[in-house]
Amino acid sequence: MRTLFISTFFLAFAATGFYSCSKSKTDVPCTVSTDTLNTYTKTVKPIMDFYCAYGGCHDAGSAASGIVLEDFGSTKSAAVNQSNFFCVIDWTCGPKMPQGASQPLADSLINQIKAWRNNCYAE
């Protein structure tokens, strides 16, 4: 009985450890939402166009660091697949974006981008 308890405890502990190592602690669960305000077209695209997706940075012609942020598909792909997509925007990791800026984007803009993520990257 004692061996069974110890084995069960060890397996549960190991499984918890493996799960926590494989999932980022900053991941936000995506839930299907009827949020029609925080979409790529309404909130994120204007921000990306103004601050990110222009010549020399993240437009298709320049694609700095291989990242294009000028359309829905490429922006969603970057947000989902680039582990530092959100932290470079809020300056909690580097490189700090927008490049050359003296401060991060306004909190309201950062919150709109994060709300888009929380809205399951709605187009």
PDB file of N, CA and C in Angstrom:
ATOM      1  N   MET A   1       0.828  -1.191   0.000  1.00  0.00           N
ATOM      2  CA  MET A   1       0.000   0.000   0.000  1.00  0.00           C
ATOM      3  C   MET A   1       0.872   1.254   0.000  1.00  0.00           C
ATOM      4  N   ARG A   2       1.889   1.245   0.848  1.00  0.00           N
ATOM      5  CA  ARG A   2       2.791   2.397   0.929  1.00  0.00           C
ATOM      6  C   ARG A   2       3.511   2.599  -0.402  1.00  0.00           C
ATOM      7  N   THR A   3       3.946   1.510  -1.028  1.00  0.00           N
ATOM      8  CA  THR A   3       4.637   1.586  -2.316  1.00  0.00           C
ATOM      9  C   THR A   3       3.702   2.144  -3.386  1.00  0.00           C
ATOM     10  N   LEU A   4       2.450   1.725  -3.366  1.00  0.00           N
ATOM     11  CA  LEU A   4       1.472   2.229  -4.321  1.00  0.00           C
ATOM     12  C   LEU A   4       1.260   3.728  -4.128  1.00  0.00           C
ATOM     13  N   PHE A   5       1.166   4.176  -2.887  1.00  0.00           N
ATOM     14  CA  PHE A   5       0.990   5.596  -2.602  1.00  0.00           C
ATOM     15  C   PHE A   5       2.186   6.401  -3.093  1.00  0.00           C
ATOM     16  N   ILE A   6       3.380   5.934  -2.796  1.00  0.00           N
ATOM     17  CA  ILE A   6       4.604   6.637  -3.211  1.00  0.00           C
ATOM     18  C   ILE A   6       4.693   6.666  -4.732  1.00  0.00           C
ATOM     19  N   SER A   7       4.401   5.555  -5.378  1.00  0.00           N
ATOM     20  CA  SER A   7       4.443   5.502  -6.845  1.00  0.00           C
ATOM     21  C   SER A   7       3.430   6.459  -7.456  1.00  0.00           C
ATOM     22  N   THR A   8       2.219   6.475  -6.920  1.00  0.00           N
ATOM     23  CA  THR A   8       1.178   7.361  -7.432  1.00  0.00           C
ATOM     24  C   THR A   8       1.571   8.819  -7.235  1.00  0.00           C
ATOM     25  N   PHE A   9       2.105   9.129  -6.048  1.00  0.00           N
ATOM     26  CA  PHE A   9       2.542  10.489  -5.769  1.00  0.00           C
ATOM     27  C   PHE A   9       3.650  10.911  -6.731  1.00  0.00           C
ATOM     28  N   PHE A  10       4.621  10.053  -6.956  1.00  0.00           N
ATOM     29  CA  PHE A  10       5.731  10.364  -7.856  1.00  0.00           C
ATOM     30  C   PHE A  10       5.235  10.587  -9.279  1.00  0.00           C
ATOM     31  N   LEU A  11       4.348   9.718  -9.766  1.00  0.00           N
ATOM     32  CA  LEU A  11       3.821   9.871 -11.118  1.00  0.00           C
ATOM     33  C   LEU A  11       3.026  11.174 -11.264  1.00  0.00           C
ATOM     34  N   ALA A  12       2.219  11.489 -10.277  1.00  0.00           N
ATOM     35  CA  ALA A  12       1.441  12.730 -10.330  1.00  0.00           C
ATOM     36  C   ALA A  12       2.373  13.947 -10.328  1.00  0.00           C
ATOM     37  N   PHE A  13       3.406  13.900  -9.494  1.00  0.00           N
ATOM     38  CA  PHE A  13       4.376  14.996  -9.427  1.00  0.00           C
ATOM     39  C   PHE A  13       5.124  15.141 -10.745  1.00  0.00           C
ATOM     40  N   ALA A  14       5.565  14.023 -11.305  1.00  0.00           N
ATOM     41  CA  ALA A  14       6.299  14.046 -12.575  1.00  0.00           C
ATOM     42  C   ALA A  14       5.414  14.563 -13.699  1.00  0.00           C
ATOM     43  N   ALA A  15       4.172  14.125 -13.748  1.00  0.00           N
ATOM     44  CA  ALA A  15       3.266  14.576 -14.806  1.00  0.00           C
ATOM     45  C   ALA A  15       3.023  16.072 -14.695  1.00  0.00           C
ATOM     46  N   THR A  16       2.858  16.565 -13.475  1.00  0.00           N
ATOM     47  CA  THR A  16       2.673  18.001 -13.272  1.00  0.00           C
ATOM     48  C   THR A  16       3.902  18.760 -13.723  1.00  0.00           C
ATOM     49  N   GLY A  17       5.071  18.267 -13.411  1.00  0.00           N
ATOM     50  CA  GLY A  17       6.314  18.915 -13.821  1.00  0.00           C
ATOM     51  C   GLY A  17       6.470  18.950 -15.322  1.00  0.00           C
ATOM     52  N   PHE A  18       6.186  17.846 -15.993  1.00  0.00           N
ATOM     53  CA  PHE A  18       6.296  17.818 -17.449  1.00  0.00           C
ATOM     54  C   PHE A  18       5.297  18.764 -18.091  1.00  0.00           C
ATOM     55  N   TYR A  19       4.092  18.809 -17.561  1.00  0.00           N
ATOM     56  CA  TYR A  19       3.080  19.700 -18.126  1.00  0.00           C
ATOM     57  C   TYR A  19       3.503  21.150 -17.953  1.00  0.00           C
ATOM     58  N   SER A  20       3.976  21.501 -16.767  1.00  0.00           N
ATOM     59  CA  SER A  20       4.322  22.892 -16.531  1.00  0.00           C
ATOM     60  C   SER A  20       5.531  23.312 -17.351  1.00  0.00           C
ATOM     61  N   CYS A  21       6.405  22.391 -17.685  1.00  0.00           N
ATOM     62  CA  CYS A  21       7.558  22.735 -18.504  1.00  0.00           C
ATOM     63  C   CYS A  21       7.183  22.880 -19.970  1.00  0.00           C
ATOM     64  N   SER A  22       6.141  22.225 -20.398  1.00  0.00           N
ATOM     65  CA  SER A  22       5.793  22.249 -21.806  1.00  0.00           C
ATOM     66  C   SER A  22       4.830  23.379 -22.154  1.00  0.00           C
ATOM     67  N   LYS A  23       4.285  24.052 -21.171  1.00  0.00           N
ATOM     68  CA  LYS A  23       3.316  25.102 -21.432  1.00  0.00           C
ATOM     69  C   LYS A  23       3.805  26.390 -20.788  1.00  0.00           C
ATOM     70  N   SER A  24       3.800  27.443 -21.551  1.00  0.00           N
ATOM     71  CA  SER A  24       4.242  28.726 -21.044  1.00  0.00           C
ATOM     72  C   SER A  24       3.303  29.214 -19.956  1.00  0.00           C
ATOM     73  N   LYS A  25       3.849  29.809 -18.929  1.00  0.00           N
ATOM     74  CA  LYS A  25       3.032  30.328 -17.851  1.00  0.00           C
ATOM     75  C   LYS A  25       2.287  31.589 -18.281  1.00  0.00           C
ATOM     76  N   THR A  26       2.659  32.177 -19.413  1.00  0.00           N
ATOM     77  CA  THR A  26       1.987  33.379 -19.878  1.00  0.00           C
ATOM     78  C   THR A  26       0.886  33.070 -20.890  1.00  0.00           C
ATOM     79  N   ASP A  27       0.708  31.798 -21.236  1.00  0.00           N
ATOM     80  CA  ASP A  27      -0.347  31.443 -22.177  1.00  0.00           C
ATOM     81  C   ASP A  27      -1.706  31.795 -21.581  1.00  0.00           C
ATOM     82  N   VAL A  28      -2.530  32.393 -22.395  1.00  0.00           N
ATOM     83  CA  VAL A  28      -3.881  32.732 -21.981  1.00  0.00           C
ATOM     84  C   VAL A  28      -4.819  31.818 -22.739  1.00  0.00           C
ATOM     85  N   PRO A  29      -5.715  31.123 -22.011  1.00  0.00           N
ATOM     86  CA  PRO A  29      -6.618  30.234 -22.725  1.00  0.00           C
ATOM     87  C   PRO A  29      -7.491  31.022 -23.693  1.00  0.00           C
ATOM     88  N   CYS A  30      -7.676  30.477 -24.850  1.00  0.00           N
ATOM     89  CA  CYS A  30      -8.496  31.113 -25.864  1.00  0.00           C
ATOM     90  C   CYS A  30      -9.892  30.509 -25.773  1.00  0.00           C
ATOM     91  N   THR A  31     -10.863  31.358 -25.594  1.00  0.00           N
ATOM     92  CA  THR A  31     -12.236  30.882 -25.527  1.00  0.00           C
ATOM     93  C   THR A  31     -13.019  31.498 -26.670  1.00  0.00           C
ATOM     94  N   VAL A  32     -13.927  30.754 -27.209  1.00  0.00           N
ATOM     95  CA  VAL A  32     -14.760  31.279 -28.279  1.00  0.00           C
ATOM     96  C   VAL A  32     -15.559  32.436 -27.695  1.00  0.00           C
ATOM     97  N   SER A  33     -15.514  33.550 -28.375  1.00  0.00           N
ATOM     98  CA  SER A  33     -16.129  34.743 -27.837  1.00  0.00           C
ATOM     99  C   SER A  33     -16.993  35.425 -28.883  1.00  0.00           C
ATOM    100  N   THR A  34     -17.942  36.181 -28.415  1.00  0.00           N
ATOM    101  CA  THR A  34     -18.753  36.981 -29.318  1.00  0.00           C
ATOM    102  C   THR A  34     -18.253  38.420 -29.319  1.00  0.00           C
ATOM    103  N   ASP A  35     -17.032  38.623 -28.864  1.00  0.00           N
ATOM    104  CA  ASP A  35     -16.417  39.941 -28.824  1.00  0.00           C
ATOM    105  C   ASP A  35     -16.199  40.426 -30.254  1.00  0.00           C
ATOM    106  N   THR A  36     -16.961  41.405 -30.674  1.00  0.00           N
ATOM    107  CA  THR A  36     -16.816  41.915 -32.039  1.00  0.00           C
ATOM    108  C   THR A  36     -15.948  43.163 -32.085  1.00  0.00           C
ATOM    109  N   LEU A  37     -15.490  43.651 -30.947  1.00  0.00           N
ATOM    110  CA  LEU A  37     -14.654  44.841 -30.917  1.00  0.00           C
ATOM    111  C   LEU A  37     -13.175  44.523 -31.091  1.00  0.00           C
ATOM    112  N   ASN A  38     -12.706  43.451 -30.484  1.00  0.00           N
ATOM    113  CA  ASN A  38     -11.288  43.129 -30.508  1.00  0.00           C
ATOM    114  C   ASN A  38     -10.986  42.098 -31.586  1.00  0.00           C
ATOM    115  N   THR A  39     -10.948  42.598 -32.809  1.00  0.00           N
ATOM    116  CA  THR A  39     -10.640  41.752 -33.949  1.00  0.00           C
ATOM    117  C   THR A  39      -9.405  42.303 -34.638  1.00  0.00           C
ATOM    118  N   TYR A  40      -8.817  41.491 -35.494  1.00  0.00           N
ATOM    119  CA  TYR A  40      -7.650  41.938 -36.249  1.00  0.00           C
ATOM    120  C   TYR A  40      -8.005  43.176 -37.082  1.00  0.00           C
ATOM    121  N   THR A  41      -9.088  43.095 -37.826  1.00  0.00           N
ATOM    122  CA  THR A  41      -9.453  44.174 -38.750  1.00  0.00           C
ATOM    123  C   THR A  41      -9.759  45.477 -38.020  1.00  0.00           C
ATOM    124  N   LYS A  42     -10.482  45.400 -36.915  1.00  0.00           N
ATOM    125  CA  LYS A  42     -10.911  46.616 -36.221  1.00  0.00           C
ATOM    126  C   LYS A  42      -9.845  47.220 -35.319  1.00  0.00           C
ATOM    127  N   THR A  43      -9.053  46.396 -34.651  1.00  0.00           N
ATOM    128  CA  THR A  43      -8.131  46.960 -33.665  1.00  0.00           C
ATOM    129  C   THR A  43      -6.658  46.705 -33.964  1.00  0.00           C
ATOM    130  N   VAL A  44      -6.312  45.510 -34.373  1.00  0.00           N
ATOM    131  CA  VAL A  44      -4.904  45.155 -34.501  1.00  0.00           C
ATOM    132  C   VAL A  44      -4.280  45.681 -35.796  1.00  0.00           C
ATOM    133  N   LYS A  45      -4.953  45.537 -36.911  1.00  0.00           N
ATOM    134  CA  LYS A  45      -4.375  45.980 -38.187  1.00  0.00           C
ATOM    135  C   LYS A  45      -3.968  47.457 -38.164  1.00  0.00           C
ATOM    136  N   PRO A  46      -4.838  48.368 -37.694  1.00  0.00           N
ATOM    137  CA  PRO A  46      -4.401  49.770 -37.655  1.00  0.00           C
ATOM    138  C   PRO A  46      -3.144  49.987 -36.800  1.00  0.00           C
ATOM    139  N   ILE A  47      -3.025  49.255 -35.710  1.00  0.00           N
ATOM    140  CA  ILE A  47      -1.841  49.377 -34.852  1.00  0.00           C
ATOM    141  C   ILE A  47      -0.610  48.848 -35.588  1.00  0.00           C
ATOM    142  N   MET A  48      -0.745  47.661 -36.187  1.00  0.00           N
ATOM    143  CA  MET A  48       0.378  47.069 -36.920  1.00  0.00           C
ATOM    144  C   MET A  48       0.802  47.956 -38.096  1.00  0.00           C
ATOM    145  N   ASP A  49      -0.173  48.469 -38.840  1.00  0.00           N
ATOM    146  CA  ASP A  49       0.141  49.322 -39.989  1.00  0.00           C
ATOM    147  C   ASP A  49       0.911  50.572 -39.564  1.00  0.00           C
ATOM    148  N   PHE A  50       0.516  51.182 -38.481  1.00  0.00           N
ATOM    149  CA  PHE A  50       1.130  52.432 -38.052  1.00  0.00           C
ATOM    150  C   PHE A  50       2.491  52.230 -37.378  1.00  0.00           C
ATOM    151  N   TYR A  51       2.611  51.178 -36.542  1.00  0.00           N
ATOM    152  CA  TYR A  51       3.812  51.015 -35.736  1.00  0.00           C
ATOM    153  C   TYR A  51       4.776  49.930 -36.217  1.00  0.00           C
ATOM    154  N   CYS A  52       4.322  49.004 -37.069  1.00  0.00           N
ATOM    155  CA  CYS A  52       5.140  47.816 -37.352  1.00  0.00           C
ATOM    156  C   CYS A  52       5.334  47.503 -38.833  1.00  0.00           C
ATOM    157  N   ALA A  53       4.273  47.516 -39.604  1.00  0.00           N
ATOM    158  CA  ALA A  53       4.298  46.984 -40.974  1.00  0.00           C
ATOM    159  C   ALA A  53       4.530  48.075 -42.010  1.00  0.00           C
ATOM    160  N   TYR A  54       5.719  48.629 -41.987  1.00  0.00           N
ATOM    161  CA  TYR A  54       6.076  49.633 -42.985  1.00  0.00           C
ATOM    162  C   TYR A  54       7.492  49.346 -43.467  1.00  0.00           C
ATOM    163  N   GLY A  55       7.903  50.021 -44.523  1.00  0.00           N
ATOM    164  CA  GLY A  55       9.206  49.767 -45.136  1.00  0.00           C
ATOM    165  C   GLY A  55      10.351  49.810 -44.141  1.00  0.00           C
ATOM    166  N   GLY A  56      11.175  48.801 -44.180  1.00  0.00           N
ATOM    167  CA  GLY A  56      12.316  48.710 -43.277  1.00  0.00           C
ATOM    168  C   GLY A  56      12.034  47.912 -42.024  1.00  0.00           C
ATOM    169  N   CYS A  57      10.788  47.601 -41.796  1.00  0.00           N
ATOM    170  CA  CYS A  57      10.451  46.832 -40.587  1.00  0.00           C
ATOM    171  C   CYS A  57       9.721  45.543 -40.956  1.00  0.00           C
ATOM    172  N   HIS A  58       8.448  45.445 -40.644  1.00  0.00           N
ATOM    173  CA  HIS A  58       7.736  44.182 -40.788  1.00  0.00           C
ATOM    174  C   HIS A  58       6.713  44.171 -41.919  1.00  0.00           C
ATOM    175  N   ASP A  59       7.035  44.842 -43.032  1.00  0.00           N
ATOM    176  CA  ASP A  59       6.207  44.702 -44.227  1.00  0.00           C
ATOM    177  C   ASP A  59       6.753  43.527 -45.032  1.00  0.00           C
ATOM    178  N   ALA A  60       6.041  43.115 -46.064  1.00  0.00           N
ATOM    179  CA  ALA A  60       6.468  41.945 -46.847  1.00  0.00           C
ATOM    180  C   ALA A  60       7.821  42.166 -47.510  1.00  0.00           C
ATOM    181  N   GLY A  61       8.125  43.405 -47.917  1.00  0.00           N
ATOM    182  CA  GLY A  61       9.396  43.689 -48.578  1.00  0.00           C
ATOM    183  C   GLY A  61      10.586  43.624 -47.654  1.00  0.00           C
ATOM    184  N   SER A  62      10.403  44.022 -46.407  1.00  0.00           N
ATOM    185  CA  SER A  62      11.517  44.050 -45.454  1.00  0.00           C
ATOM    186  C   SER A  62      11.565  42.798 -44.583  1.00  0.00           C
ATOM    187  N   ALA A  63      10.440  42.434 -44.025  1.00  0.00           N
ATOM    188  CA  ALA A  63      10.302  41.252 -43.164  1.00  0.00           C
ATOM    189  C   ALA A  63      11.455  41.130 -42.173  1.00  0.00           C
ATOM    190  N   ALA A  64      11.661  42.173 -41.376  1.00  0.00           N
ATOM    191  CA  ALA A  64      12.723  42.149 -40.373  1.00  0.00           C
ATOM    192  C   ALA A  64      12.575  40.912 -39.491  1.00  0.00           C
ATOM    193  N   SER A  65      13.674  40.215 -39.293  1.00  0.00           N
ATOM    194  CA  SER A  65      13.718  38.963 -38.519  1.00  0.00           C
ATOM    195  C   SER A  65      12.776  37.906 -39.077  1.00  0.00           C
ATOM    196  N   GLY A  66      12.402  38.042 -40.348  1.00  0.00           N
ATOM    197  CA  GLY A  66      11.514  37.076 -40.986  1.00  0.00           C
ATOM    198  C   GLY A  66      10.062  37.218 -40.587  1.00  0.00           C
ATOM    199  N   ILE A  67       9.713  38.329 -39.946  1.00  0.00           N
ATOM    200  CA  ILE A  67       8.349  38.529 -39.449  1.00  0.00           C
ATOM    201  C   ILE A  67       7.643  39.582 -40.296  1.00  0.00           C
ATOM    202  N   VAL A  68       6.471  39.208 -40.823  1.00  0.00           N
ATOM    203  CA  VAL A  68       5.634  40.117 -41.599  1.00  0.00           C
ATOM    204  C   VAL A  68       4.365  40.357 -40.782  1.00  0.00           C
ATOM    205  N   LEU A  69       4.006  41.638 -40.651  1.00  0.00           N
ATOM    206  CA  LEU A  69       2.841  41.994 -39.841  1.00  0.00           C
ATOM    207  C   LEU A  69       1.866  42.877 -40.615  1.00  0.00           C
ATOM    208  N   GLU A  70       1.736  42.632 -41.918  1.00  0.00           N
ATOM    209  CA  GLU A  70       0.874  43.506 -42.702  1.00  0.00           C
ATOM    210  C   GLU A  70      -0.460  42.891 -43.107  1.00  0.00           C
ATOM    211  N   ASP A  71      -0.702  41.643 -42.754  1.00  0.00           N
ATOM    212  CA  ASP A  71      -1.998  41.040 -43.061  1.00  0.00           C
ATOM    213  C   ASP A  71      -2.387  40.086 -41.938  1.00  0.00           C
ATOM    214  N   PHE A  72      -3.645  39.677 -41.968  1.00  0.00           N
ATOM    215  CA  PHE A  72      -4.174  38.834 -40.893  1.00  0.00           C
ATOM    216  C   PHE A  72      -3.378  37.543 -40.712  1.00  0.00           C
ATOM    217  N   GLY A  73      -3.186  36.792 -41.802  1.00  0.00           N
ATOM    218  CA  GLY A  73      -2.530  35.488 -41.696  1.00  0.00           C
ATOM    219  C   GLY A  73      -1.128  35.565 -41.125  1.00  0.00           C
ATOM    220  N   SER A  74      -0.335  36.492 -41.611  1.00  0.00           N
ATOM    221  CA  SER A  74       1.051  36.574 -41.136  1.00  0.00           C
ATOM    222  C   SER A  74       1.115  37.130 -39.715  1.00  0.00           C
ATOM    223  N   THR A  75       0.227  38.064 -39.373  1.00  0.00           N
ATOM    224  CA  THR A  75       0.229  38.612 -38.017  1.00  0.00           C
ATOM    225  C   THR A  75      -0.231  37.560 -37.017  1.00  0.00           C
ATOM    226  N   LYS A  76      -1.283  36.820 -37.352  1.00  0.00           N
ATOM    227  CA  LYS A  76      -1.743  35.756 -36.459  1.00  0.00           C
ATOM    228  C   LYS A  76      -0.653  34.704 -36.295  1.00  0.00           C
ATOM    229  N   SER A  77      -0.002  34.335 -37.384  1.00  0.00           N
ATOM    230  CA  SER A  77       1.070  33.348 -37.322  1.00  0.00           C
ATOM    231  C   SER A  77       2.190  33.820 -36.395  1.00  0.00           C
ATOM    232  N   ALA A  78       2.575  35.073 -36.504  1.00  0.00           N
ATOM    233  CA  ALA A  78       3.622  35.609 -35.634  1.00  0.00           C
ATOM    234  C   ALA A  78       3.169  35.605 -34.180  1.00  0.00           C
ATOM    235  N   ALA A  79       1.919  36.018 -33.935  1.00  0.00           N
ATOM    236  CA  ALA A  79       1.405  36.074 -32.566  1.00  0.00           C
ATOM    237  C   ALA A  79       1.339  34.684 -31.929  1.00  0.00           C
ATOM    238  N   VAL A  80       0.969  33.699 -32.720  1.00  0.00           N
ATOM    239  CA  VAL A  80       0.818  32.336 -32.207  1.00  0.00           C
ATOM    240  C   VAL A  80       2.168  31.623 -32.099  1.00  0.00           C
ATOM    241  N   ASN A  81       3.049  31.836 -33.059  1.00  0.00           N
ATOM    242  CA  ASN A  81       4.275  31.036 -33.150  1.00  0.00           C
ATOM    243  C   ASN A  81       5.546  31.696 -32.627  1.00  0.00           C
ATOM    244  N   GLN A  82       5.557  32.994 -32.486  1.00  0.00           N
ATOM    245  CA  GLN A  82       6.739  33.679 -31.958  1.00  0.00           C
ATOM    246  C   GLN A  82       6.578  33.807 -30.451  1.00  0.00           C
ATOM    247  N   SER A  83       7.408  33.109 -29.701  1.00  0.00           N
ATOM    248  CA  SER A  83       7.234  33.066 -28.249  1.00  0.00           C
ATOM    249  C   SER A  83       7.355  34.438 -27.591  1.00  0.00           C
ATOM    250  N   ASN A  84       8.041  35.365 -28.246  1.00  0.00           N
ATOM    251  CA  ASN A  84       8.216  36.675 -27.618  1.00  0.00           C
ATOM    252  C   ASN A  84       7.354  37.770 -28.256  1.00  0.00           C
ATOM    253  N   PHE A  85       6.383  37.405 -29.070  1.00  0.00           N
ATOM    254  CA  PHE A  85       5.565  38.387 -29.784  1.00  0.00           C
ATOM    255  C   PHE A  85       4.974  39.432 -28.841  1.00  0.00           C
ATOM    256  N   PHE A  86       4.362  39.022 -27.760  1.00  0.00           N
ATOM    257  CA  PHE A  86       3.683  39.956 -26.872  1.00  0.00           C
ATOM    258  C   PHE A  86       4.643  40.669 -25.931  1.00  0.00           C
ATOM    259  N   CYS A  87       5.690  39.993 -25.486  1.00  0.00           N
ATOM    260  CA  CYS A  87       6.589  40.651 -24.528  1.00  0.00           C
ATOM    261  C   CYS A  87       7.496  41.685 -25.189  1.00  0.00           C
ATOM    262  N   VAL A  88       7.787  41.585 -26.494  1.00  0.00           N
ATOM    263  CA  VAL A  88       8.571  42.650 -27.139  1.00  0.00           C
ATOM    264  C   VAL A  88       7.722  43.902 -27.296  1.00  0.00           C
ATOM    265  N   ILE A  89       6.410  43.733 -27.384  1.00  0.00           N
ATOM    266  CA  ILE A  89       5.511  44.877 -27.516  1.00  0.00           C
ATOM    267  C   ILE A  89       5.351  45.605 -26.187  1.00  0.00           C
ATOM    268  N   ASP A  90       5.247  44.854 -25.077  1.00  0.00           N
ATOM    269  CA  ASP A  90       5.077  45.532 -23.777  1.00  0.00           C
ATOM    270  C   ASP A  90       6.406  45.742 -23.041  1.00  0.00           C
ATOM    271  N   TRP A  91       7.505  45.435 -23.720  1.00  0.00           N
ATOM    272  CA  TRP A  91       8.879  45.671 -23.256  1.00  0.00           C
ATOM    273  C   TRP A  91       9.252  44.859 -22.018  1.00  0.00           C
ATOM    274  N   THR A  92       8.634  43.696 -21.820  1.00  0.00           N
ATOM    275  CA  THR A  92       9.044  42.829 -20.721  1.00  0.00           C
ATOM    276  C   THR A  92      10.132  41.855 -21.164  1.00  0.00           C
ATOM    277  N   CYS A  93      10.477  41.886 -22.468  1.00  0.00           N
ATOM    278  CA  CYS A  93      11.614  41.132 -22.995  1.00  0.00           C
ATOM    279  C   CYS A  93      12.153  41.904 -24.196  1.00  0.00           C
ATOM    280  N   GLY A  94      13.238  41.458 -24.742  1.00  0.00           N
ATOM    281  CA  GLY A  94      13.822  42.155 -25.884  1.00  0.00           C
ATOM    282  C   GLY A  94      13.711  41.331 -27.131  1.00  0.00           C
ATOM    283  N   PRO A  95      13.919  41.904 -28.270  1.00  0.00           N
ATOM    284  CA  PRO A  95      14.181  43.324 -28.493  1.00  0.00           C
ATOM    285  C   PRO A  95      12.908  44.138 -28.309  1.00  0.00           C
ATOM    286  N   LYS A  96      13.060  45.338 -27.823  1.00  0.00           N
ATOM    287  CA  LYS A  96      11.902  46.187 -27.543  1.00  0.00           C
ATOM    288  C   LYS A  96      11.374  46.777 -28.845  1.00  0.00           C
ATOM    289  N   MET A  97      10.067  46.595 -29.053  1.00  0.00           N
ATOM    290  CA  MET A  97       9.415  47.088 -30.258  1.00  0.00           C
ATOM    291  C   MET A  97       8.328  48.082 -29.896  1.00  0.00           C
ATOM    292  N   PRO A  98       8.088  49.065 -30.718  1.00  0.00           N
ATOM    293  CA  PRO A  98       8.720  49.338 -31.996  1.00  0.00           C
ATOM    294  C   PRO A  98      10.186  49.744 -31.820  1.00  0.00           C
ATOM    295  N   GLN A  99      10.997  49.271 -32.734  1.00  0.00           N
ATOM    296  CA  GLN A  99      12.423  49.525 -32.677  1.00  0.00           C
ATOM    297  C   GLN A  99      12.687  51.023 -32.745  1.00  0.00           C
ATOM    298  N   GLY A 100      13.580  51.481 -31.893  1.00  0.00           N
ATOM    299  CA  GLY A 100      13.965  52.888 -31.868  1.00  0.00           C
ATOM    300  C   GLY A 100      13.038  53.777 -31.074  1.00  0.00           C
ATOM    301  N   ALA A 101      11.944  53.240 -30.573  1.00  0.00           N
ATOM    302  CA  ALA A 101      11.012  54.045 -29.783  1.00  0.00           C
ATOM    303  C   ALA A 101      11.605  54.318 -28.404  1.00  0.00           C
ATOM    304  N   SER A 102      11.232  55.434 -27.817  1.00  0.00           N
ATOM    305  CA  SER A 102      11.735  55.780 -26.492  1.00  0.00           C
ATOM    306  C   SER A 102      10.877  55.201 -25.375  1.00  0.00           C
ATOM    307  N   GLN A 103       9.737  54.644 -25.746  1.00  0.00           N
ATOM    308  CA  GLN A 103       8.854  54.006 -24.768  1.00  0.00           C
ATOM    309  C   GLN A 103       7.988  52.985 -25.494  1.00  0.00           C
ATOM    310  N   PRO A 104       7.396  52.058 -24.744  1.00  0.00           N
ATOM    311  CA  PRO A 104       6.531  51.063 -25.402  1.00  0.00           C
ATOM    312  C   PRO A 104       5.259  51.721 -25.920  1.00  0.00           C
ATOM    313  N   LEU A 105       4.518  50.954 -26.688  1.00  0.00           N
ATOM    314  CA  LEU A 105       3.209  51.419 -27.134  1.00  0.00           C
ATOM    315  C   LEU A 105       2.373  51.802 -25.915  1.00  0.00           C
ATOM    316  N   ALA A 106       1.394  52.644 -26.122  1.00  0.00           N
ATOM    317  CA  ALA A 106       0.484  53.014 -25.037  1.00  0.00           C
ATOM    318  C   ALA A 106      -0.195  51.758 -24.495  1.00  0.00           C
ATOM    319  N   ASP A 107      -0.448  51.747 -23.201  1.00  0.00           N
ATOM    320  CA  ASP A 107      -1.107  50.597 -22.580  1.00  0.00           C
ATOM    321  C   ASP A 107      -2.416  50.253 -23.284  1.00  0.00           C
ATOM    322  N   SER A 108      -3.146  51.257 -23.737  1.00  0.00           N
ATOM    323  CA  SER A 108      -4.428  50.993 -24.408  1.00  0.00           C
ATOM    324  C   SER A 108      -4.215  50.192 -25.692  1.00  0.00           C
ATOM    325  N   LEU A 109      -3.136  50.464 -26.424  1.00  0.00           N
ATOM    326  CA  LEU A 109      -2.848  49.717 -27.652  1.00  0.00           C
ATOM    327  C   LEU A 109      -2.386  48.297 -27.334  1.00  0.00           C
ATOM    328  N   ILE A 110      -1.528  48.167 -26.341  1.00  0.00           N
ATOM    329  CA  ILE A 110      -1.066  46.839 -25.919  1.00  0.00           C
ATOM    330  C   ILE A 110      -2.257  46.000 -25.461  1.00  0.00           C
ATOM    331  N   ASN A 111      -3.142  46.617 -24.711  1.00  0.00           N
ATOM    332  CA  ASN A 111      -4.328  45.899 -24.223  1.00  0.00           C
ATOM    333  C   ASN A 111      -5.231  45.466 -25.369  1.00  0.00           C
ATOM    334  N   GLN A 112      -5.321  46.261 -26.431  1.00  0.00           N
ATOM    335  CA  GLN A 112      -6.125  45.874 -27.590  1.00  0.00           C
ATOM    336  C   GLN A 112      -5.516  44.661 -28.288  1.00  0.00           C
ATOM    337  N   ILE A 113      -4.193  44.633 -28.396  1.00  0.00           N
ATOM    338  CA  ILE A 113      -3.522  43.489 -29.035  1.00  0.00           C
ATOM    339  C   ILE A 113      -3.711  42.233 -28.182  1.00  0.00           C
ATOM    340  N   LYS A 114      -3.586  42.363 -26.877  1.00  0.00           N
ATOM    341  CA  LYS A 114      -3.781  41.218 -25.990  1.00  0.00           C
ATOM    342  C   LYS A 114      -5.247  40.780 -25.970  1.00  0.00           C
ATOM    343  N   ALA A 115      -6.168  41.731 -26.076  1.00  0.00           N
ATOM    344  CA  ALA A 115      -7.596  41.375 -26.134  1.00  0.00           C
ATOM    345  C   ALA A 115      -7.886  40.581 -27.401  1.00  0.00           C
ATOM    346  N   TRP A 116      -7.206  40.912 -28.495  1.00  0.00           N
ATOM    347  CA  TRP A 116      -7.345  40.144 -29.745  1.00  0.00           C
ATOM    348  C   TRP A 116      -6.910  38.701 -29.510  1.00  0.00           C
ATOM    349  N   ARG A 117      -5.792  38.518 -28.825  1.00  0.00           N
ATOM    350  CA  ARG A 117      -5.332  37.166 -28.485  1.00  0.00           C
ATOM    351  C   ARG A 117      -6.384  36.447 -27.652  1.00  0.00           C
ATOM    352  N   ASN A 118      -6.908  37.132 -26.657  1.00  0.00           N
ATOM    353  CA  ASN A 118      -7.911  36.521 -25.778  1.00  0.00           C
ATOM    354  C   ASN A 118      -9.218  36.237 -26.517  1.00  0.00           C
ATOM    355  N   ASN A 119      -9.425  36.915 -27.641  1.00  0.00           N
ATOM    356  CA  ASN A 119     -10.606  36.717 -28.475  1.00  0.00           C
ATOM    357  C   ASN A 119     -10.311  35.687 -29.575  1.00  0.00           C
ATOM    358  N   CYS A 120      -9.364  34.827 -29.334  1.00  0.00           N
ATOM    359  CA  CYS A 120      -9.023  33.727 -30.244  1.00  0.00           C
ATOM    360  C   CYS A 120      -8.549  34.224 -31.614  1.00  0.00           C
ATOM    361  N   TYR A 121      -7.880  35.363 -31.628  1.00  0.00           N
ATOM    362  CA  TYR A 121      -7.317  35.904 -32.871  1.00  0.00           C
ATOM    363  C   TYR A 121      -8.385  36.080 -33.943  1.00  0.00           C
ATOM    364  N   ALA A 122      -9.501  36.627 -33.551  1.00  0.00           N
ATOM    365  CA  ALA A 122     -10.607  36.834 -34.508  1.00  0.00           C
ATOM    366  C   ALA A 122     -10.173  37.769 -35.626  1.00  0.00           C
ATOM    367  N   GLU A 123     -10.611  37.444 -36.841  1.00  0.00           N
ATOM    368  CA  GLU A 123     -10.258  38.277 -37.996  1.00  0.00           C
ATOM    369  C   GLU A 123     -11.143  39.502 -38.047  1.00  0.00           C
TER     370      GLU A 123
END
